[in-house]
């Protein structure tokens, strides 16, 4: 029973991520503005809650709403240049060293503490012999209940740099 509820909540969080992030393609390659992100979060929260209500009961719908709001809060909190740079630097250090990385800082804009943890999965080799590394990135902010989690795969280029896998295949 608990596993089924967890799966439904996880599905709700996944749905909010899809609803919030993928429509960014409609911006013709331009990053989403804060207003666009908020709009996608609100729409995603409503859609996720409605779908969870159809799949379960009122209690499940509330749990899905809370999980969706937490996912949006983390996504919106990290919507500034300072945080993006700190996360990117931690990811790059992990890729270059092959070791997990952590960073904590106080955001200049809102004064909240931020934390990012980057862990690595075992290296992979593509069919063409290109080495690749998958990184799991977890971000947290003071005052938010949830963690933002993201997984990316990077492969070493012929120049020795690490680039997202999609640009290498």
N, C-alpha and C. Protein backbone atom coordinates (compact mmCIF):
# COMPACT_ATOMS: atom_id res chain seq x y z
N UNK A 1 0.83 -1.19 0.00
CA UNK A 1 0.00 0.00 0.00
C UNK A 1 0.87 1.26 0.00
N UNK A 2 1.86 1.31 0.91
CA UNK A 2 2.74 2.46 0.98
C UNK A 2 3.54 2.60 -0.31
N UNK A 3 3.95 1.48 -0.88
CA UNK A 3 4.69 1.51 -2.13
C UNK A 3 3.83 2.09 -3.26
N UNK A 4 2.57 1.73 -3.30
CA UNK A 4 1.67 2.25 -4.33
C UNK A 4 1.50 3.76 -4.18
N UNK A 5 1.37 4.22 -2.94
CA UNK A 5 1.23 5.66 -2.71
C UNK A 5 2.51 6.38 -3.12
N UNK A 6 3.67 5.82 -2.74
CA UNK A 6 4.94 6.43 -3.13
C UNK A 6 5.05 6.51 -4.65
N UNK A 7 4.69 5.42 -5.34
CA UNK A 7 4.76 5.41 -6.81
C UNK A 7 3.85 6.47 -7.41
N UNK A 8 2.68 6.66 -6.84
CA UNK A 8 1.77 7.68 -7.36
C UNK A 8 2.33 9.08 -7.11
N UNK A 9 2.89 9.30 -5.93
CA UNK A 9 3.47 10.61 -5.64
C UNK A 9 4.67 10.85 -6.53
N UNK A 10 5.53 9.83 -6.67
CA UNK A 10 6.70 9.97 -7.55
C UNK A 10 6.24 10.27 -8.97
N UNK A 11 5.20 9.58 -9.40
CA UNK A 11 4.64 9.83 -10.74
C UNK A 11 4.15 11.25 -10.87
N UNK A 12 3.57 11.78 -9.81
CA UNK A 12 3.10 13.16 -9.82
C UNK A 12 4.25 14.14 -9.95
N UNK A 13 5.32 13.89 -9.20
CA UNK A 13 6.49 14.76 -9.28
C UNK A 13 7.11 14.67 -10.67
N UNK A 14 7.18 13.47 -11.22
CA UNK A 14 7.71 13.30 -12.56
C UNK A 14 6.84 14.05 -13.57
N UNK A 15 5.54 13.94 -13.42
CA UNK A 15 4.63 14.63 -14.32
C UNK A 15 4.81 16.13 -14.23
N UNK A 16 4.97 16.67 -13.02
CA UNK A 16 5.17 18.11 -12.89
C UNK A 16 6.46 18.53 -13.59
N UNK A 17 7.49 17.70 -13.50
CA UNK A 17 8.74 18.02 -14.18
C UNK A 17 8.54 18.07 -15.69
N UNK A 18 7.82 17.09 -16.22
CA UNK A 18 7.57 17.04 -17.66
C UNK A 18 6.71 18.22 -18.08
N UNK A 19 5.63 18.46 -17.37
CA UNK A 19 4.72 19.55 -17.71
C UNK A 19 5.43 20.91 -17.61
N UNK A 20 6.32 21.04 -16.64
CA UNK A 20 6.98 22.32 -16.40
C UNK A 20 8.15 22.58 -17.34
N UNK A 21 8.92 21.55 -17.63
CA UNK A 21 10.17 21.75 -18.34
C UNK A 21 10.03 21.55 -19.85
N UNK A 22 9.40 20.50 -20.29
CA UNK A 22 9.35 20.22 -21.72
C UNK A 22 8.67 21.29 -22.55
N UNK A 23 7.63 21.96 -22.08
CA UNK A 23 7.04 23.01 -22.90
C UNK A 23 7.99 24.16 -23.18
N UNK A 24 9.15 24.18 -22.58
CA UNK A 24 10.14 25.20 -22.89
C UNK A 24 10.54 25.19 -24.34
N UNK A 25 10.32 24.09 -25.03
CA UNK A 25 10.63 24.02 -26.45
C UNK A 25 9.79 25.02 -27.23
N UNK A 26 8.64 25.41 -26.71
CA UNK A 26 7.77 26.35 -27.40
C UNK A 26 8.35 27.76 -27.41
N UNK A 27 9.45 27.99 -26.72
CA UNK A 27 10.04 29.32 -26.67
C UNK A 27 11.09 29.50 -27.77
N UNK A 28 11.10 28.62 -28.76
CA UNK A 28 12.03 28.72 -29.89
C UNK A 28 13.48 28.71 -29.44
N UNK A 29 13.79 27.89 -28.49
CA UNK A 29 15.17 27.74 -28.04
C UNK A 29 15.61 28.75 -27.00
N UNK A 30 14.78 29.71 -26.68
CA UNK A 30 15.12 30.72 -25.67
C UNK A 30 14.80 30.16 -24.29
N UNK A 31 15.58 30.51 -23.27
CA UNK A 31 15.27 30.05 -21.92
C UNK A 31 13.91 30.60 -21.48
N UNK A 32 13.24 29.87 -20.62
CA UNK A 32 11.97 30.32 -20.08
C UNK A 32 12.19 31.49 -19.13
N UNK A 33 11.29 32.47 -19.18
CA UNK A 33 11.33 33.56 -18.20
C UNK A 33 10.79 33.04 -16.88
N UNK A 34 11.03 33.79 -15.81
CA UNK A 34 10.49 33.40 -14.51
C UNK A 34 8.97 33.30 -14.57
N UNK A 35 8.33 34.24 -15.24
CA UNK A 35 6.88 34.22 -15.36
C UNK A 35 6.40 32.96 -16.09
N UNK A 36 7.10 32.56 -17.15
CA UNK A 36 6.74 31.34 -17.87
C UNK A 36 6.92 30.12 -16.98
N UNK A 37 7.99 30.10 -16.20
CA UNK A 37 8.21 28.97 -15.30
C UNK A 37 7.12 28.89 -14.24
N UNK A 38 6.73 30.02 -13.68
CA UNK A 38 5.67 30.03 -12.68
C UNK A 38 4.37 29.54 -13.30
N UNK A 39 4.07 29.99 -14.51
CA UNK A 39 2.87 29.54 -15.20
C UNK A 39 2.87 28.05 -15.44
N UNK A 40 4.01 27.51 -15.83
CA UNK A 40 4.10 26.07 -16.06
C UNK A 40 3.98 25.30 -14.74
N UNK A 41 4.54 25.86 -13.68
CA UNK A 41 4.41 25.21 -12.37
C UNK A 41 2.95 25.17 -11.92
N UNK A 42 2.27 26.30 -12.03
CA UNK A 42 0.86 26.33 -11.61
C UNK A 42 0.04 25.34 -12.44
N UNK A 43 0.23 25.35 -13.74
CA UNK A 43 -0.49 24.41 -14.60
C UNK A 43 -0.14 22.97 -14.27
N UNK A 44 1.12 22.72 -14.03
CA UNK A 44 1.56 21.37 -13.68
C UNK A 44 1.01 20.89 -12.35
N UNK A 45 0.97 21.79 -11.38
CA UNK A 45 0.43 21.43 -10.07
C UNK A 45 -1.05 21.07 -10.20
N UNK A 46 -1.78 21.89 -10.92
CA UNK A 46 -3.22 21.62 -11.11
C UNK A 46 -3.44 20.30 -11.86
N UNK A 47 -2.68 20.09 -12.93
CA UNK A 47 -2.82 18.87 -13.72
C UNK A 47 -2.43 17.64 -12.91
N UNK A 48 -1.30 17.73 -12.21
CA UNK A 48 -0.84 16.60 -11.39
C UNK A 48 -1.86 16.26 -10.31
N UNK A 49 -2.37 17.28 -9.64
CA UNK A 49 -3.35 17.06 -8.58
C UNK A 49 -4.61 16.41 -9.14
N UNK A 50 -5.06 16.90 -10.29
CA UNK A 50 -6.26 16.32 -10.91
C UNK A 50 -6.04 14.86 -11.30
N UNK A 51 -4.89 14.56 -11.88
CA UNK A 51 -4.61 13.18 -12.28
C UNK A 51 -4.49 12.26 -11.06
N UNK A 52 -3.86 12.75 -10.00
CA UNK A 52 -3.75 11.95 -8.78
C UNK A 52 -5.13 11.74 -8.16
N UNK A 53 -5.98 12.73 -8.26
CA UNK A 53 -7.35 12.60 -7.74
C UNK A 53 -8.10 11.51 -8.51
N UNK A 54 -7.91 11.48 -9.82
CA UNK A 54 -8.55 10.44 -10.64
C UNK A 54 -8.00 9.05 -10.30
N UNK A 55 -6.71 8.99 -9.96
CA UNK A 55 -6.07 7.70 -9.70
C UNK A 55 -6.29 7.21 -8.27
N UNK A 56 -6.68 8.08 -7.38
CA UNK A 56 -6.78 7.67 -5.99
C UNK A 56 -7.93 8.35 -5.28
N UNK A 57 -7.60 8.99 -4.18
CA UNK A 57 -8.62 9.66 -3.39
C UNK A 57 -8.16 11.08 -3.06
N UNK A 58 -8.93 11.77 -2.26
CA UNK A 58 -8.63 13.16 -1.91
C UNK A 58 -7.29 13.27 -1.19
N UNK A 59 -6.97 12.33 -0.30
CA UNK A 59 -5.70 12.37 0.43
C UNK A 59 -4.52 12.25 -0.54
N UNK A 60 -4.64 11.35 -1.50
CA UNK A 60 -3.56 11.19 -2.49
C UNK A 60 -3.41 12.47 -3.31
N UNK A 61 -4.51 13.09 -3.69
CA UNK A 61 -4.46 14.33 -4.46
C UNK A 61 -3.71 15.42 -3.67
N UNK A 62 -3.95 15.50 -2.37
CA UNK A 62 -3.25 16.48 -1.53
C UNK A 62 -1.75 16.17 -1.48
N UNK A 63 -1.41 14.89 -1.35
CA UNK A 63 0.00 14.49 -1.31
C UNK A 63 0.69 14.83 -2.63
N UNK A 64 0.01 14.59 -3.74
CA UNK A 64 0.57 14.92 -5.05
C UNK A 64 0.76 16.43 -5.19
N UNK A 65 -0.20 17.21 -4.70
CA UNK A 65 -0.09 18.67 -4.77
C UNK A 65 1.11 19.15 -3.98
N UNK A 66 1.30 18.63 -2.77
CA UNK A 66 2.43 19.03 -1.93
C UNK A 66 3.75 18.66 -2.60
N UNK A 67 3.84 17.44 -3.15
CA UNK A 67 5.06 17.01 -3.83
C UNK A 67 5.33 17.89 -5.05
N UNK A 68 4.29 18.23 -5.80
CA UNK A 68 4.45 19.07 -6.98
C UNK A 68 4.89 20.48 -6.61
N UNK A 69 4.31 21.02 -5.55
CA UNK A 69 4.70 22.36 -5.09
C UNK A 69 6.16 22.37 -4.66
N UNK A 70 6.59 21.32 -3.96
CA UNK A 70 8.00 21.23 -3.53
C UNK A 70 8.93 21.17 -4.74
N UNK A 71 8.56 20.37 -5.75
CA UNK A 71 9.39 20.27 -6.95
C UNK A 71 9.49 21.62 -7.65
N UNK A 72 8.38 22.33 -7.76
CA UNK A 72 8.39 23.65 -8.38
C UNK A 72 9.21 24.64 -7.56
N UNK A 73 9.08 24.58 -6.24
CA UNK A 73 9.82 25.51 -5.39
C UNK A 73 11.31 25.37 -5.61
N UNK A 74 11.80 24.15 -5.66
CA UNK A 74 13.23 23.94 -5.88
C UNK A 74 13.62 24.45 -7.27
N UNK A 75 12.80 24.13 -8.28
CA UNK A 75 13.09 24.56 -9.65
C UNK A 75 13.16 26.08 -9.73
N UNK A 76 12.22 26.78 -9.11
CA UNK A 76 12.19 28.24 -9.17
C UNK A 76 13.28 28.88 -8.31
N UNK A 77 13.60 28.27 -7.18
CA UNK A 77 14.62 28.81 -6.29
C UNK A 77 15.98 28.86 -7.00
N UNK A 78 16.27 27.84 -7.78
CA UNK A 78 17.57 27.77 -8.45
C UNK A 78 17.55 28.47 -9.81
N UNK A 79 16.67 29.43 -9.98
CA UNK A 79 16.50 30.14 -11.24
C UNK A 79 17.28 31.45 -11.22
N UNK A 80 18.58 31.39 -10.93
CA UNK A 80 19.39 32.59 -10.98
C UNK A 80 20.82 32.22 -11.36
N UNK A 81 21.56 33.20 -11.83
CA UNK A 81 22.90 32.95 -12.37
C UNK A 81 23.87 32.40 -11.33
N UNK A 82 23.83 32.92 -10.10
CA UNK A 82 24.77 32.46 -9.07
C UNK A 82 24.58 30.98 -8.79
N UNK A 83 23.34 30.55 -8.59
CA UNK A 83 23.08 29.14 -8.29
C UNK A 83 23.44 28.25 -9.47
N UNK A 84 23.07 28.66 -10.67
CA UNK A 84 23.37 27.86 -11.86
C UNK A 84 24.88 27.68 -12.02
N UNK A 85 25.63 28.75 -11.75
CA UNK A 85 27.09 28.66 -11.88
C UNK A 85 27.68 27.72 -10.84
N UNK A 86 27.21 27.79 -9.59
CA UNK A 86 27.73 26.92 -8.54
C UNK A 86 27.42 25.45 -8.85
N UNK A 87 26.21 25.19 -9.34
CA UNK A 87 25.84 23.82 -9.69
C UNK A 87 26.69 23.32 -10.86
N UNK A 88 26.85 24.16 -11.88
CA UNK A 88 27.66 23.78 -13.05
C UNK A 88 29.11 23.53 -12.65
N UNK A 89 29.66 24.35 -11.75
CA UNK A 89 31.04 24.15 -11.30
C UNK A 89 31.20 22.83 -10.54
N UNK A 90 30.24 22.50 -9.68
CA UNK A 90 30.31 21.23 -8.94
C UNK A 90 30.22 20.06 -9.91
N UNK A 91 29.33 20.16 -10.89
CA UNK A 91 29.21 19.09 -11.89
C UNK A 91 30.51 18.94 -12.67
N UNK A 92 31.12 20.04 -13.09
CA UNK A 92 32.35 19.98 -13.86
C UNK A 92 33.49 19.38 -13.04
N UNK A 93 33.60 19.77 -11.76
CA UNK A 93 34.64 19.18 -10.90
C UNK A 93 34.45 17.67 -10.79
N UNK A 94 33.20 17.23 -10.65
CA UNK A 94 32.93 15.79 -10.55
C UNK A 94 33.33 15.08 -11.84
N UNK A 95 33.00 15.67 -12.98
CA UNK A 95 33.35 15.06 -14.26
C UNK A 95 34.87 14.97 -14.43
N UNK A 96 35.56 16.03 -14.09
CA UNK A 96 37.01 16.07 -14.28
C UNK A 96 37.77 15.17 -13.31
N UNK A 97 37.31 15.10 -12.05
CA UNK A 97 38.04 14.32 -11.05
C UNK A 97 37.55 12.88 -10.94
N UNK A 98 36.32 12.63 -11.40
CA UNK A 98 35.75 11.30 -11.25
C UNK A 98 35.32 11.02 -9.81
N UNK A 99 35.20 12.08 -9.01
CA UNK A 99 34.81 11.94 -7.61
C UNK A 99 33.59 12.80 -7.30
N UNK A 100 32.80 12.35 -6.33
CA UNK A 100 31.62 13.10 -5.92
C UNK A 100 32.04 14.49 -5.41
N UNK A 101 31.15 15.45 -5.58
CA UNK A 101 31.43 16.82 -5.16
C UNK A 101 30.23 17.38 -4.41
N UNK A 102 30.50 18.28 -3.47
CA UNK A 102 29.45 18.99 -2.74
C UNK A 102 29.83 20.46 -2.65
N UNK A 103 28.82 21.29 -2.58
CA UNK A 103 29.06 22.72 -2.40
C UNK A 103 27.89 23.30 -1.62
N UNK A 104 28.20 24.25 -0.74
CA UNK A 104 27.18 24.97 0.02
C UNK A 104 27.50 26.45 -0.07
N UNK A 105 26.47 27.28 -0.17
CA UNK A 105 26.66 28.70 -0.24
C UNK A 105 25.38 29.42 0.17
N UNK A 106 25.53 30.70 0.48
CA UNK A 106 24.38 31.55 0.78
C UNK A 106 24.11 32.38 -0.47
N UNK A 107 22.89 32.30 -0.96
CA UNK A 107 22.51 33.03 -2.16
C UNK A 107 22.49 34.52 -1.89
N UNK A 108 23.10 35.30 -2.78
CA UNK A 108 23.16 36.75 -2.62
C UNK A 108 21.78 37.40 -2.73
N UNK A 109 20.90 36.81 -3.53
CA UNK A 109 19.59 37.41 -3.77
C UNK A 109 18.62 37.29 -2.62
N UNK A 110 18.43 36.06 -2.11
CA UNK A 110 17.42 35.87 -1.06
C UNK A 110 18.03 35.52 0.30
N UNK A 111 19.35 35.34 0.36
CA UNK A 111 20.02 35.07 1.62
C UNK A 111 19.87 33.64 2.13
N UNK A 112 19.21 32.77 1.37
CA UNK A 112 19.01 31.39 1.80
C UNK A 112 20.24 30.54 1.49
N UNK A 113 20.46 29.56 2.37
CA UNK A 113 21.55 28.60 2.13
C UNK A 113 21.14 27.65 1.00
N UNK A 114 22.10 27.30 0.17
CA UNK A 114 21.91 26.35 -0.92
C UNK A 114 22.92 25.23 -0.74
N UNK A 115 22.58 24.05 -1.24
CA UNK A 115 23.49 22.92 -1.20
C UNK A 115 23.30 22.12 -2.48
N UNK A 116 24.41 21.70 -3.06
CA UNK A 116 24.35 20.82 -4.22
C UNK A 116 25.30 19.66 -3.97
N UNK A 117 24.84 18.46 -4.32
CA UNK A 117 25.66 17.25 -4.23
C UNK A 117 25.66 16.60 -5.60
N UNK A 118 26.84 16.28 -6.07
CA UNK A 118 26.97 15.63 -7.38
C UNK A 118 27.65 14.28 -7.16
N UNK A 119 26.96 13.21 -7.53
CA UNK A 119 27.55 11.88 -7.43
C UNK A 119 27.68 11.30 -8.83
N UNK A 120 28.59 10.35 -8.95
CA UNK A 120 28.86 9.74 -10.25
C UNK A 120 28.47 8.28 -10.26
N UNK A 121 27.94 7.85 -11.36
CA UNK A 121 27.70 6.43 -11.58
C UNK A 121 28.95 5.85 -12.25
N UNK A 122 29.08 4.53 -12.31
CA UNK A 122 30.26 3.95 -12.97
C UNK A 122 30.39 4.44 -14.42
N UNK A 123 31.64 4.68 -14.84
CA UNK A 123 31.87 5.12 -16.22
C UNK A 123 31.34 4.11 -17.21
N UNK A 124 30.97 4.61 -18.38
CA UNK A 124 30.46 3.76 -19.47
C UNK A 124 31.31 4.02 -20.71
N UNK A 125 31.31 3.07 -21.62
CA UNK A 125 31.95 3.26 -22.91
C UNK A 125 30.89 3.08 -23.99
N UNK A 126 30.78 4.06 -24.89
CA UNK A 126 29.86 3.92 -26.01
C UNK A 126 30.46 2.95 -27.02
N UNK A 127 29.66 2.56 -27.99
CA UNK A 127 30.13 1.62 -29.02
C UNK A 127 31.35 2.15 -29.77
N UNK A 128 31.45 3.46 -29.89
CA UNK A 128 32.61 4.03 -30.59
C UNK A 128 33.82 4.21 -29.67
N UNK A 129 33.73 3.69 -28.45
CA UNK A 129 34.83 3.77 -27.49
C UNK A 129 34.91 5.06 -26.72
N UNK A 130 33.93 5.91 -26.88
CA UNK A 130 33.91 7.19 -26.21
C UNK A 130 33.54 7.01 -24.73
N UNK A 131 34.38 7.48 -23.79
CA UNK A 131 34.05 7.35 -22.36
C UNK A 131 32.95 8.34 -21.97
N UNK A 132 32.03 7.87 -21.15
CA UNK A 132 30.92 8.70 -20.69
C UNK A 132 30.76 8.55 -19.18
N UNK A 133 30.27 9.62 -18.55
CA UNK A 133 29.99 9.62 -17.12
C UNK A 133 28.58 10.15 -16.89
N UNK A 134 27.85 9.45 -16.04
CA UNK A 134 26.52 9.90 -15.65
C UNK A 134 26.61 10.49 -14.26
N UNK A 135 26.09 11.71 -14.12
CA UNK A 135 26.12 12.40 -12.85
C UNK A 135 24.69 12.56 -12.33
N UNK A 136 24.54 12.35 -11.03
CA UNK A 136 23.27 12.59 -10.34
C UNK A 136 23.47 13.87 -9.53
N UNK A 137 22.63 14.85 -9.79
CA UNK A 137 22.75 16.15 -9.13
C UNK A 137 21.54 16.33 -8.22
N UNK A 138 21.80 16.61 -6.94
CA UNK A 138 20.75 16.89 -5.97
C UNK A 138 20.96 18.30 -5.43
N UNK A 139 19.92 19.10 -5.50
CA UNK A 139 20.01 20.47 -5.03
C UNK A 139 18.96 20.70 -3.95
N UNK A 140 19.34 21.44 -2.92
CA UNK A 140 18.42 21.77 -1.83
C UNK A 140 18.60 23.23 -1.45
N UNK A 141 17.53 23.80 -0.94
CA UNK A 141 17.56 25.19 -0.50
C UNK A 141 16.92 25.30 0.87
N UNK A 142 17.48 26.13 1.70
CA UNK A 142 16.92 26.39 3.03
C UNK A 142 15.48 26.89 2.87
N UNK A 143 14.58 26.27 3.62
CA UNK A 143 13.20 26.69 3.58
C UNK A 143 12.33 25.91 2.61
N UNK A 144 12.90 24.97 1.87
CA UNK A 144 12.10 24.12 0.99
C UNK A 144 12.13 22.71 1.54
N UNK A 145 11.05 22.02 1.42
CA UNK A 145 10.95 20.66 1.95
C UNK A 145 11.62 19.64 1.04
N UNK A 146 11.57 19.85 -0.26
CA UNK A 146 12.03 18.83 -1.19
C UNK A 146 13.42 19.07 -1.71
N UNK A 147 13.92 18.08 -2.37
CA UNK A 147 15.19 18.17 -3.07
C UNK A 147 14.93 18.12 -4.56
N UNK A 148 15.68 18.89 -5.31
CA UNK A 148 15.62 18.79 -6.75
C UNK A 148 16.65 17.76 -7.19
N UNK A 149 16.23 16.78 -7.96
CA UNK A 149 17.15 15.75 -8.41
C UNK A 149 17.15 15.73 -9.93
N UNK A 150 18.34 15.55 -10.49
CA UNK A 150 18.49 15.58 -11.94
C UNK A 150 19.64 14.66 -12.32
N UNK A 151 19.50 13.95 -13.42
CA UNK A 151 20.55 13.06 -13.91
C UNK A 151 20.93 13.48 -15.31
N UNK A 152 22.23 13.56 -15.56
CA UNK A 152 22.75 13.93 -16.87
C UNK A 152 23.90 13.00 -17.23
N UNK A 153 24.09 12.76 -18.53
CA UNK A 153 25.21 11.96 -18.99
C UNK A 153 26.10 12.82 -19.89
N UNK A 154 27.39 12.79 -19.62
CA UNK A 154 28.38 13.55 -20.38
C UNK A 154 29.40 12.58 -20.95
N UNK A 155 29.89 12.89 -22.14
CA UNK A 155 30.90 12.06 -22.78
C UNK A 155 32.11 12.93 -23.11
N UNK A 156 33.28 12.29 -23.07
CA UNK A 156 34.52 13.02 -23.37
C UNK A 156 34.62 13.22 -24.88
N UNK A 157 34.89 14.46 -25.27
CA UNK A 157 35.04 14.78 -26.68
C UNK A 157 36.47 14.47 -27.13
N UNK A 158 36.69 14.56 -28.42
CA UNK A 158 38.04 14.31 -28.93
C UNK A 158 39.03 15.37 -28.44
N UNK A 159 38.51 16.54 -28.03
CA UNK A 159 39.36 17.60 -27.48
C UNK A 159 39.65 17.40 -26.00
N UNK A 160 39.01 16.39 -25.38
CA UNK A 160 39.24 16.11 -23.97
C UNK A 160 38.26 16.78 -23.02
N UNK A 161 37.29 17.50 -23.55
CA UNK A 161 36.27 18.15 -22.71
C UNK A 161 35.11 17.19 -22.47
N UNK A 162 34.27 17.52 -21.49
CA UNK A 162 33.06 16.75 -21.22
C UNK A 162 31.88 17.53 -21.79
N UNK A 163 31.08 16.88 -22.62
CA UNK A 163 29.93 17.52 -23.25
C UNK A 163 28.71 16.62 -23.05
N UNK A 164 27.49 17.21 -23.01
CA UNK A 164 26.29 16.38 -22.86
C UNK A 164 26.24 15.30 -23.93
N UNK A 165 25.81 14.12 -23.53
CA UNK A 165 25.80 12.96 -24.43
C UNK A 165 25.05 13.23 -25.74
N UNK A 166 23.95 13.95 -25.67
CA UNK A 166 23.15 14.21 -26.87
C UNK A 166 23.93 14.89 -27.96
N UNK A 167 24.92 15.72 -27.60
CA UNK A 167 25.70 16.42 -28.61
C UNK A 167 26.83 15.57 -29.16
N UNK A 168 27.05 14.40 -28.56
CA UNK A 168 28.14 13.54 -28.98
C UNK A 168 27.69 12.36 -29.82
N UNK A 169 26.40 12.06 -29.84
CA UNK A 169 25.92 10.84 -30.48
C UNK A 169 25.53 11.13 -31.89
